[in-house]
Amino acid sequence: LWMGTHAKGPSTIDSDDQQPLANWLAEHPDLAGESLIPLIDHDHNILNLPFLFKVLSVNKALSIQVHPHSNEAGMLHKADPKNYPDPNHKPEMAIALTPFELLCSFRPLAEISKNFQDIPELVELCHCSNVEKFQEQFKSGVSTDMLKNSLKACFAALMNQSSDSVQKQFDRLMERAKGSLMNNAEAVLGTVSVSLLSRLSSSYPGDVGCWAPFFFNHFTLQPGEAVFLGPGEPHAYLYGDCIECMACSDNTVRAGLTPKFKDIQTLCNMLTYRSVEVDKVKLIGKIDSQDSFLTVYDPPVKEFCVHKIEVKHIGEYNLLSLTVCSILLVVEGQASLASDKLASGFAALVPANLNVTLSVLQSPFIAFRAFCKQ
């Protein structure tokens, strides 16, 4: 579900003429908000919001991907507009609605080192000489930049392997894991769950992305937890439902777990190779000091911010007035606004500088509200 003004999935105003949101905002700049008025394209009579608001429901692993910096996005779009349709960067944030499983960012180097020690098939795919250099440097405590270069060499070697080589080594790996290991739901190879490897291979046999968990953090966000994904951070969503908000762009560089276009060289060159603990990947929502029903998810970008509103009682609730328009999505409960009922799945545009009072009819009432930072 996309909500916003992006050309690939534009929202419309629920009226007789079903006017596109981008046109409606251009014709009502006072309701869009003063800071958004400079974004009006008068030649096409549109105002594109700086953010794109989504709901994702994932029941099969989505691609291993990364998003470019602004300058990289412009260059990719110019060189290959078919596969990179936007000149914009695409920082994004995901907020879990249900337990939400994902791969994200490179594991701590000690975990990657353990995987090389325990998984000879992984060493083969990454090339023994690359792995030996990484292990020597890791043990000797060389600079972070040197280790990043060695990590890149290992990862790039893996990602450029043929499908036949990938599947051959995967079959060898799983053959070693047979017996009691395969029957144990908690079994691991190195630091990676055997059940995860089996699921990925079942969905994408022969795909090099099946080896990605040996490099990337694998964890599950609980409802209300979030991650922020800046440029160059690898990730793949595996299972569950989430709210997603991002800069208004569809620029994605993919390299695994997908039948779509893959650009392995670009992805390998674009990655940060930043190794982090899982807790460092998460973005913490903060309860507003003036409103205990409001949780603020404030990423380090200007294009978007998200509020979670959770009202646990029947009665009136005053939305925070903003100087820019916002999109409100109801995910649970029911409320009324004037003569309209807002139930689960209902999305509404809240004009700028408007005082809105909701009458909560069914609790808990949970909604998410996306907007451009004021």
Protein backbone atom coordinates (compact mmCIF):
# COMPACT_ATOMS: atom_id res chain seq x y z
CA LEU A 1 0.00 0.00 0.00
CA TRP A 2 1.49 3.34 -1.13
CA MET A 3 0.30 6.70 0.16
CA GLY A 4 1.67 9.90 -1.32
CA THR A 5 2.35 11.50 -4.68
CA HIS A 6 4.95 9.21 -6.26
CA ALA A 7 4.15 8.64 -9.94
CA LYS A 8 4.29 4.83 -9.60
CA GLY A 9 1.53 4.76 -6.97
CA PRO A 10 -0.16 8.14 -6.63
CA SER A 11 -2.90 8.67 -4.07
CA THR A 12 -6.16 10.36 -5.05
CA ILE A 13 -8.64 12.50 -3.15
CA ASP A 14 -11.86 10.64 -2.37
CA SER A 15 -14.18 12.88 -4.36
CA ASP A 16 -16.37 12.65 -7.42
CA ASP A 17 -13.50 13.37 -9.81
CA GLN A 18 -10.88 11.30 -7.90
CA GLN A 19 -8.32 14.08 -8.28
CA PRO A 20 -4.69 13.02 -7.83
CA LEU A 21 -3.29 14.19 -4.52
CA ALA A 22 -0.35 15.96 -6.21
CA ASN A 23 -2.73 18.13 -8.25
CA TRP A 24 -5.01 18.81 -5.30
CA LEU A 25 -2.09 20.00 -3.16
CA ALA A 26 -0.87 22.31 -5.94
CA GLU A 27 -4.33 23.86 -6.16
CA HIS A 28 -4.62 24.24 -2.36
CA PRO A 29 -1.14 25.42 -1.29
CA ASP A 30 -2.44 26.93 1.95
CA LEU A 31 -3.58 23.45 3.02
CA ALA A 32 -0.26 21.88 1.99
CA GLY A 33 1.69 24.23 4.23
CA GLU A 34 3.85 27.26 3.59
CA SER A 35 7.15 25.34 3.63
CA LEU A 36 5.91 23.01 0.87
CA ILE A 37 4.77 25.76 -1.52
CA PRO A 38 8.22 26.04 -3.18
CA LEU A 39 7.82 22.41 -4.26
CA ILE A 40 4.92 23.24 -6.61
CA ASP A 41 5.67 22.41 -10.25
CA HIS A 42 3.54 25.07 -11.96
CA ASP A 43 4.20 23.66 -15.44
CA HIS A 44 2.49 20.38 -14.50
CA ASN A 45 0.25 21.72 -11.71
CA ILE A 46 1.56 19.25 -9.13
CA LEU A 47 3.08 19.33 -5.68
CA ASN A 48 5.05 16.19 -4.87
CA LEU A 49 5.35 15.44 -1.17
CA PRO A 50 8.96 14.87 -0.04
CA PHE A 51 7.99 11.53 1.53
CA LEU A 52 6.33 8.28 0.55
CA PHE A 53 4.26 6.39 3.16
CA LYS A 54 3.73 2.63 2.85
CA VAL A 55 2.39 -0.50 4.50
CA LEU A 56 4.29 -3.70 3.72
CA SER A 57 3.00 -7.20 4.33
CA VAL A 58 5.84 -9.66 3.72
CA ASN A 59 5.31 -13.42 3.55
CA LYS A 60 8.31 -14.21 1.33
CA ALA A 61 11.75 -12.65 1.61
CA LEU A 62 12.16 -9.40 -0.31
CA SER A 63 15.36 -8.58 -2.16
CA ILE A 64 18.74 -7.83 -0.64
CA GLN A 65 19.04 -4.18 -1.47
CA VAL A 66 20.65 -0.85 -0.76
CA HIS A 67 19.65 2.73 -1.51
CA PRO A 68 21.96 5.40 -2.93
CA HIS A 69 23.12 8.79 -1.70
CA SER A 70 21.62 11.79 -3.50
CA ASN A 71 24.58 12.21 -5.86
CA GLU A 72 24.70 8.46 -6.57
CA ALA A 73 20.94 8.45 -7.26
CA GLY A 74 21.32 11.22 -9.83
CA MET A 75 24.14 9.43 -11.63
CA LEU A 76 22.31 6.08 -11.66
CA HIS A 77 19.16 7.69 -13.00
CA LYS A 78 21.06 9.45 -15.78
CA ALA A 79 22.94 6.30 -16.80
CA ASP A 80 20.03 3.82 -16.50
CA PRO A 81 16.62 5.48 -16.11
CA LYS A 82 14.81 2.21 -16.79
CA ASN A 83 16.16 0.48 -13.68
CA TYR A 84 16.71 3.64 -11.62
CA PRO A 85 13.61 5.74 -12.26
CA ASP A 86 14.29 8.55 -9.77
CA PRO A 87 17.11 11.05 -9.34
CA ASN A 88 16.34 11.13 -5.60
CA HIS A 89 17.94 9.33 -2.69
CA LYS A 90 15.83 6.94 -0.62
CA PRO A 91 16.55 6.86 3.11
CA GLU A 92 13.81 4.86 4.78
CA MET A 93 12.38 3.80 8.12
CA ALA A 94 10.40 0.67 8.99
CA ILE A 95 8.17 0.43 12.08
CA ALA A 96 6.95 -3.06 12.98
CA LEU A 97 3.21 -3.70 13.16
CA THR A 98 3.70 -7.40 13.87
CA PRO A 99 6.90 -9.27 14.73
CA PHE A 100 8.97 -8.22 11.71
CA GLU A 101 11.95 -10.32 10.62
CA LEU A 102 14.77 -8.82 8.58
CA LEU A 103 18.42 -8.82 7.60
CA CYS A 104 20.11 -5.48 8.14
CA SER A 105 23.67 -4.09 8.10
CA PHE A 106 26.86 -6.11 8.48
CA ARG A 107 27.26 -8.24 11.56
CA PRO A 108 29.93 -7.43 14.15
CA LEU A 109 33.29 -8.49 12.71
CA ALA A 110 33.75 -11.16 15.39
CA GLU A 111 30.59 -12.92 14.17
CA ILE A 112 31.68 -12.78 10.54
CA SER A 113 35.08 -14.16 11.58
CA LYS A 114 33.36 -17.05 13.40
CA ASN A 115 31.31 -17.83 10.31
CA PHE A 116 34.49 -18.09 8.26
CA GLN A 117 35.98 -20.39 10.89
CA ASP A 118 32.92 -22.66 11.01
CA ILE A 119 31.74 -22.69 7.38
CA PRO A 120 34.35 -23.95 4.86
CA GLU A 121 31.80 -23.67 2.07
CA LEU A 122 31.50 -19.94 2.75
CA VAL A 123 35.29 -19.61 2.64
CA GLU A 124 35.32 -21.32 -0.75
CA LEU A 125 32.73 -18.95 -2.19
CA CYS A 126 34.51 -15.88 -0.79
CA HIS A 127 37.88 -17.16 -2.06
CA CYS A 128 40.34 -18.55 0.46
CA SER A 129 42.93 -15.80 -0.10
CA ASN A 130 40.37 -13.07 0.68
CA VAL A 131 39.23 -14.82 3.84
CA GLU A 132 42.78 -15.49 5.04
CA LYS A 133 43.62 -11.80 4.67
CA PHE A 134 40.45 -10.77 6.54
CA GLN A 135 41.12 -13.21 9.38
CA GLU A 136 44.75 -12.13 9.73
CA GLN A 137 43.80 -8.45 9.82
CA PHE A 138 40.95 -9.04 12.24
CA LYS A 139 43.20 -10.91 14.68
CA SER A 140 45.98 -8.33 14.42
CA GLY A 141 43.65 -5.40 15.05
CA VAL A 142 44.34 -3.33 11.95
CA SER A 143 42.46 -0.13 11.17
CA THR A 144 38.72 -0.16 10.49
CA ASP A 145 39.26 1.06 6.92
CA MET A 146 41.64 -1.81 6.13
CA LEU A 147 39.18 -4.32 7.55
CA LYS A 148 36.37 -2.78 5.51
CA ASN A 149 38.41 -3.30 2.35
CA SER A 150 39.03 -6.94 3.22
CA LEU A 151 35.38 -7.45 4.11
CA LYS A 152 34.39 -5.91 0.76
CA ALA A 153 36.71 -8.31 -1.09
CA CYS A 154 35.13 -11.31 0.63
CA PHE A 155 31.57 -10.13 0.11
CA ALA A 156 32.08 -9.11 -3.54
CA ALA A 157 33.66 -12.48 -4.34
CA LEU A 158 30.61 -14.22 -2.89
CA MET A 159 28.10 -12.03 -4.71
CA ASN A 160 29.79 -12.63 -8.07
CA GLN A 161 29.67 -16.41 -7.83
CA SER A 162 27.65 -18.34 -10.41
CA SER A 163 24.33 -19.87 -9.47
CA ASP A 164 25.79 -23.36 -9.97
CA SER A 165 28.65 -22.69 -7.55
CA VAL A 166 26.29 -21.14 -5.04
CA GLN A 167 23.93 -24.11 -5.10
CA LYS A 168 26.75 -26.67 -5.06
CA GLN A 169 28.26 -25.22 -1.90
CA PHE A 170 24.84 -24.74 -0.32
CA ASP A 171 24.01 -28.41 -0.88
CA ARG A 172 27.31 -29.37 0.76
CA LEU A 173 26.55 -27.13 3.70
CA MET A 174 23.09 -28.55 4.25
CA GLU A 175 24.37 -32.10 3.85
CA ARG A 176 26.71 -31.46 6.79
CA ALA A 177 23.75 -30.13 8.76
CA LYS A 178 21.64 -33.24 8.39
CA GLY A 179 20.50 -35.41 11.27
CA SER A 180 20.05 -33.98 14.73
CA LEU A 181 21.11 -30.51 13.62
CA MET A 182 18.38 -30.29 10.98
CA ASN A 183 15.75 -31.51 13.43
CA ASN A 184 16.64 -28.87 15.99
CA ALA A 185 14.64 -25.68 15.44
CA GLU A 186 17.31 -23.71 17.29
CA ALA A 187 20.24 -25.15 15.35
CA VAL A 188 22.83 -22.78 13.94
CA LEU A 189 25.68 -22.95 11.47
CA GLY A 190 28.25 -20.45 12.58
CA THR A 191 25.95 -17.68 13.80
CA VAL A 192 23.10 -18.38 11.37
CA SER A 193 19.84 -20.25 11.92
CA VAL A 194 19.57 -23.44 9.87
CA SER A 195 15.83 -22.89 9.50
CA LEU A 196 16.45 -19.45 7.97
CA LEU A 197 18.87 -20.89 5.43
CA SER A 198 16.34 -23.58 4.51
CA ARG A 199 13.54 -21.02 4.06
CA LEU A 200 15.61 -18.77 1.84
CA SER A 201 16.83 -21.64 -0.32
CA SER A 202 13.31 -22.98 -0.68
CA SER A 203 12.10 -19.62 -2.01
CA TYR A 204 15.21 -18.75 -4.04
CA PRO A 205 17.16 -21.92 -4.94
CA GLY A 206 20.62 -21.17 -6.28
CA ASP A 207 20.39 -17.49 -5.30
CA VAL A 208 23.55 -16.04 -3.79
CA GLY A 209 21.36 -14.13 -1.35
CA CYS A 210 20.86 -17.37 0.59
CA TRP A 211 24.38 -16.82 1.94
CA ALA A 212 23.73 -13.23 3.03
CA PRO A 213 22.81 -14.11 6.66
CA PHE A 214 26.44 -15.08 7.26
CA PHE A 215 27.32 -11.41 6.69
CA PHE A 216 24.21 -9.48 7.79
CA ASN A 217 22.49 -9.11 11.16
CA HIS A 218 19.36 -11.26 11.39
CA PHE A 219 16.77 -10.18 13.95
CA THR A 220 13.07 -9.59 14.57
CA LEU A 221 11.56 -6.24 15.47
CA GLN A 222 8.70 -6.38 17.95
CA PRO A 223 5.59 -4.23 17.29
CA GLY A 224 6.49 -0.59 17.77
CA GLU A 225 10.23 -1.11 17.24
CA ALA A 226 11.85 0.53 14.23
CA VAL A 227 14.95 0.67 12.07
CA PHE A 228 16.33 3.54 10.02
CA LEU A 229 18.19 2.64 6.84
CA GLY A 230 20.47 5.31 5.49
CA PRO A 231 22.33 5.23 2.17
CA GLY A 232 24.61 2.26 1.67
CA GLU A 233 23.07 0.07 4.38
CA PRO A 234 22.18 -3.43 3.11
CA HIS A 235 18.87 -4.92 4.15
CA ALA A 236 16.24 -7.49 3.24
CA TYR A 237 12.78 -7.80 4.78
CA LEU A 238 11.92 -11.44 5.46
CA TYR A 239 8.53 -11.75 7.15
CA GLY A 240 5.84 -9.69 8.85
CA ASP A 241 3.96 -6.40 8.55
CA CYS A 242 5.39 -2.93 8.91
CA ILE A 243 4.78 0.75 8.37
CA GLU A 244 7.42 2.20 6.06
CA CYS A 245 8.25 5.81 5.36
CA MET A 246 10.95 7.09 3.03
CA ALA A 247 12.02 9.93 0.82
CA CYS A 248 9.82 10.08 -2.28
CA SER A 249 11.87 7.74 -4.45
CA ASP A 250 11.82 4.25 -5.89
CA ASN A 251 15.59 3.91 -6.36
CA THR A 252 16.67 0.44 -5.24
CA VAL A 253 19.91 -1.41 -6.03
CA ARG A 254 19.35 -5.17 -5.74
CA ALA A 255 21.73 -8.10 -5.66
CA GLY A 256 19.98 -11.18 -4.31
CA LEU A 257 16.76 -12.94 -3.25
CA THR A 258 14.95 -11.58 -6.28
CA PRO A 259 14.09 -12.39 -9.90
CA LYS A 260 14.29 -8.65 -10.63
CA PHE A 261 17.19 -6.76 -12.17
CA LYS A 262 20.40 -7.20 -10.15
CA ASP A 263 23.27 -4.74 -10.16
CA ILE A 264 25.87 -6.55 -8.10
CA GLN A 265 28.84 -4.33 -8.91
CA THR A 266 26.95 -1.15 -8.04
CA LEU A 267 25.66 -2.62 -4.80
CA CYS A 268 29.09 -3.87 -3.71
CA ASN A 269 30.64 -0.47 -4.41
CA MET A 270 27.83 1.41 -2.65
CA LEU A 271 27.81 -0.46 0.67
CA THR A 272 29.17 1.20 3.81
CA TYR A 273 30.62 -2.10 5.14
CA ARG A 274 29.78 -0.76 8.58
CA SER A 275 29.68 -3.58 11.15
CA VAL A 276 27.25 -2.96 14.00
CA GLU A 277 25.44 -4.65 16.87
CA VAL A 278 21.71 -5.12 16.35
CA ASP A 279 20.83 -2.53 19.00
CA LYS A 280 22.76 0.11 17.04
CA VAL A 281 20.57 -0.50 13.99
CA LYS A 282 17.30 0.24 15.74
CA LEU A 283 15.66 3.66 15.85
CA ILE A 284 13.99 4.31 19.20
CA GLY A 285 10.57 5.95 19.20
CA LYS A 286 10.17 8.55 21.95
CA ILE A 287 6.96 9.27 23.84
CA ASP A 288 6.07 12.96 23.51
CA SER A 289 6.55 14.87 26.76
CA GLN A 290 3.22 16.67 26.31
CA ASP A 291 1.15 13.75 25.01
CA SER A 292 1.54 10.24 26.43
CA PHE A 293 -0.55 8.81 23.57
CA LEU A 294 1.99 10.03 20.98
CA THR A 295 5.25 8.27 20.03
CA VAL A 296 7.64 10.14 17.73
CA TYR A 297 9.91 8.35 15.26
CA ASP A 298 12.36 11.03 14.17
CA PRO A 299 15.05 9.80 11.72
CA PRO A 300 18.12 11.91 10.87
CA VAL A 301 16.72 13.18 7.55
CA LYS A 302 14.60 16.18 6.67
CA GLU A 303 12.11 14.48 4.33
CA PHE A 304 9.97 12.64 6.85
CA CYS A 305 8.95 11.97 10.42
CA VAL A 306 6.28 9.56 11.73
CA HIS A 307 3.98 9.79 14.74
CA LYS A 308 2.29 6.76 16.27
CA ILE A 309 -0.98 7.63 18.01
CA GLU A 310 -2.32 5.05 20.46
CA VAL A 311 -5.41 6.09 22.40
CA LYS A 312 -6.54 3.48 24.90
CA HIS A 313 -9.83 5.02 25.98
CA ILE A 314 -13.15 6.00 24.44
CA GLY A 315 -13.51 9.76 24.07
CA GLU A 316 -11.98 12.77 22.38
CA TYR A 317 -8.36 13.08 21.23
CA ASN A 318 -6.80 16.24 19.79
CA LEU A 319 -4.32 15.71 16.98
CA LEU A 320 -1.18 17.80 17.21
CA SER A 321 -1.48 20.71 14.79
CA LEU A 322 1.34 20.79 12.24
CA THR A 323 2.46 23.57 9.88
CA VAL A 324 2.58 21.06 7.00
CA CYS A 325 0.00 18.61 5.71
CA SER A 326 0.26 15.00 6.83
CA ILE A 327 -1.14 11.57 5.97
CA LEU A 328 -2.94 9.68 8.74
CA LEU A 329 -3.39 5.90 8.50
CA VAL A 330 -5.61 3.99 10.93
CA VAL A 331 -4.40 0.46 11.73
CA GLU A 332 -6.64 -0.49 14.67
CA GLY A 333 -9.81 0.69 16.39
CA GLN A 334 -12.28 3.28 15.16
CA ALA A 335 -12.85 6.99 15.52
CA SER A 336 -15.08 9.63 13.97
CA LEU A 337 -14.19 12.99 12.49
CA ALA A 338 -17.24 15.16 11.87
CA SER A 339 -19.54 12.81 9.94
CA ASP A 340 -16.77 10.48 8.75
CA LYS A 341 -15.76 7.24 10.46
CA LEU A 342 -12.08 6.34 10.54
CA ALA A 343 -11.62 2.59 10.78
CA SER A 344 -8.71 0.22 10.23
CA GLY A 345 -7.24 0.74 6.76
CA PHE A 346 -8.60 4.29 6.40
CA ALA A 347 -6.13 6.93 5.21
CA ALA A 348 -6.76 10.65 5.47
CA LEU A 349 -4.96 13.82 4.47
CA VAL A 350 -4.72 16.25 7.39
CA PRO A 351 -4.26 19.83 6.10
CA ALA A 352 -1.63 22.11 7.54
CA ASN A 353 -2.43 24.27 10.60
CA LEU A 354 -5.71 22.47 11.22
CA ASN A 355 -6.98 21.69 14.70
CA VAL A 356 -8.48 18.21 14.52
CA THR A 357 -10.41 16.48 17.28
CA LEU A 358 -11.08 12.76 16.89
CA SER A 359 -13.87 11.00 18.76
CA VAL A 360 -12.52 7.55 19.60
CA LEU A 361 -15.34 5.02 19.28
CA GLN A 362 -13.38 1.78 19.64
CA SER A 363 -10.17 1.37 21.58
CA PRO A 364 -7.33 0.91 21.40
CA PHE A 365 -7.27 3.36 18.53
CA ILE A 366 -3.91 3.15 16.73
CA ALA A 367 -2.89 5.32 13.82
CA PHE A 368 0.35 6.40 12.14
CA ARG A 369 0.89 9.88 10.78
CA ALA A 370 3.61 10.78 8.27
CA PHE A 371 4.78 14.26 7.39
CA CYS A 372 7.72 16.29 6.17
CA LYS A 373 9.69 17.87 8.99
CA GLN A 374 8.59 21.42 9.66
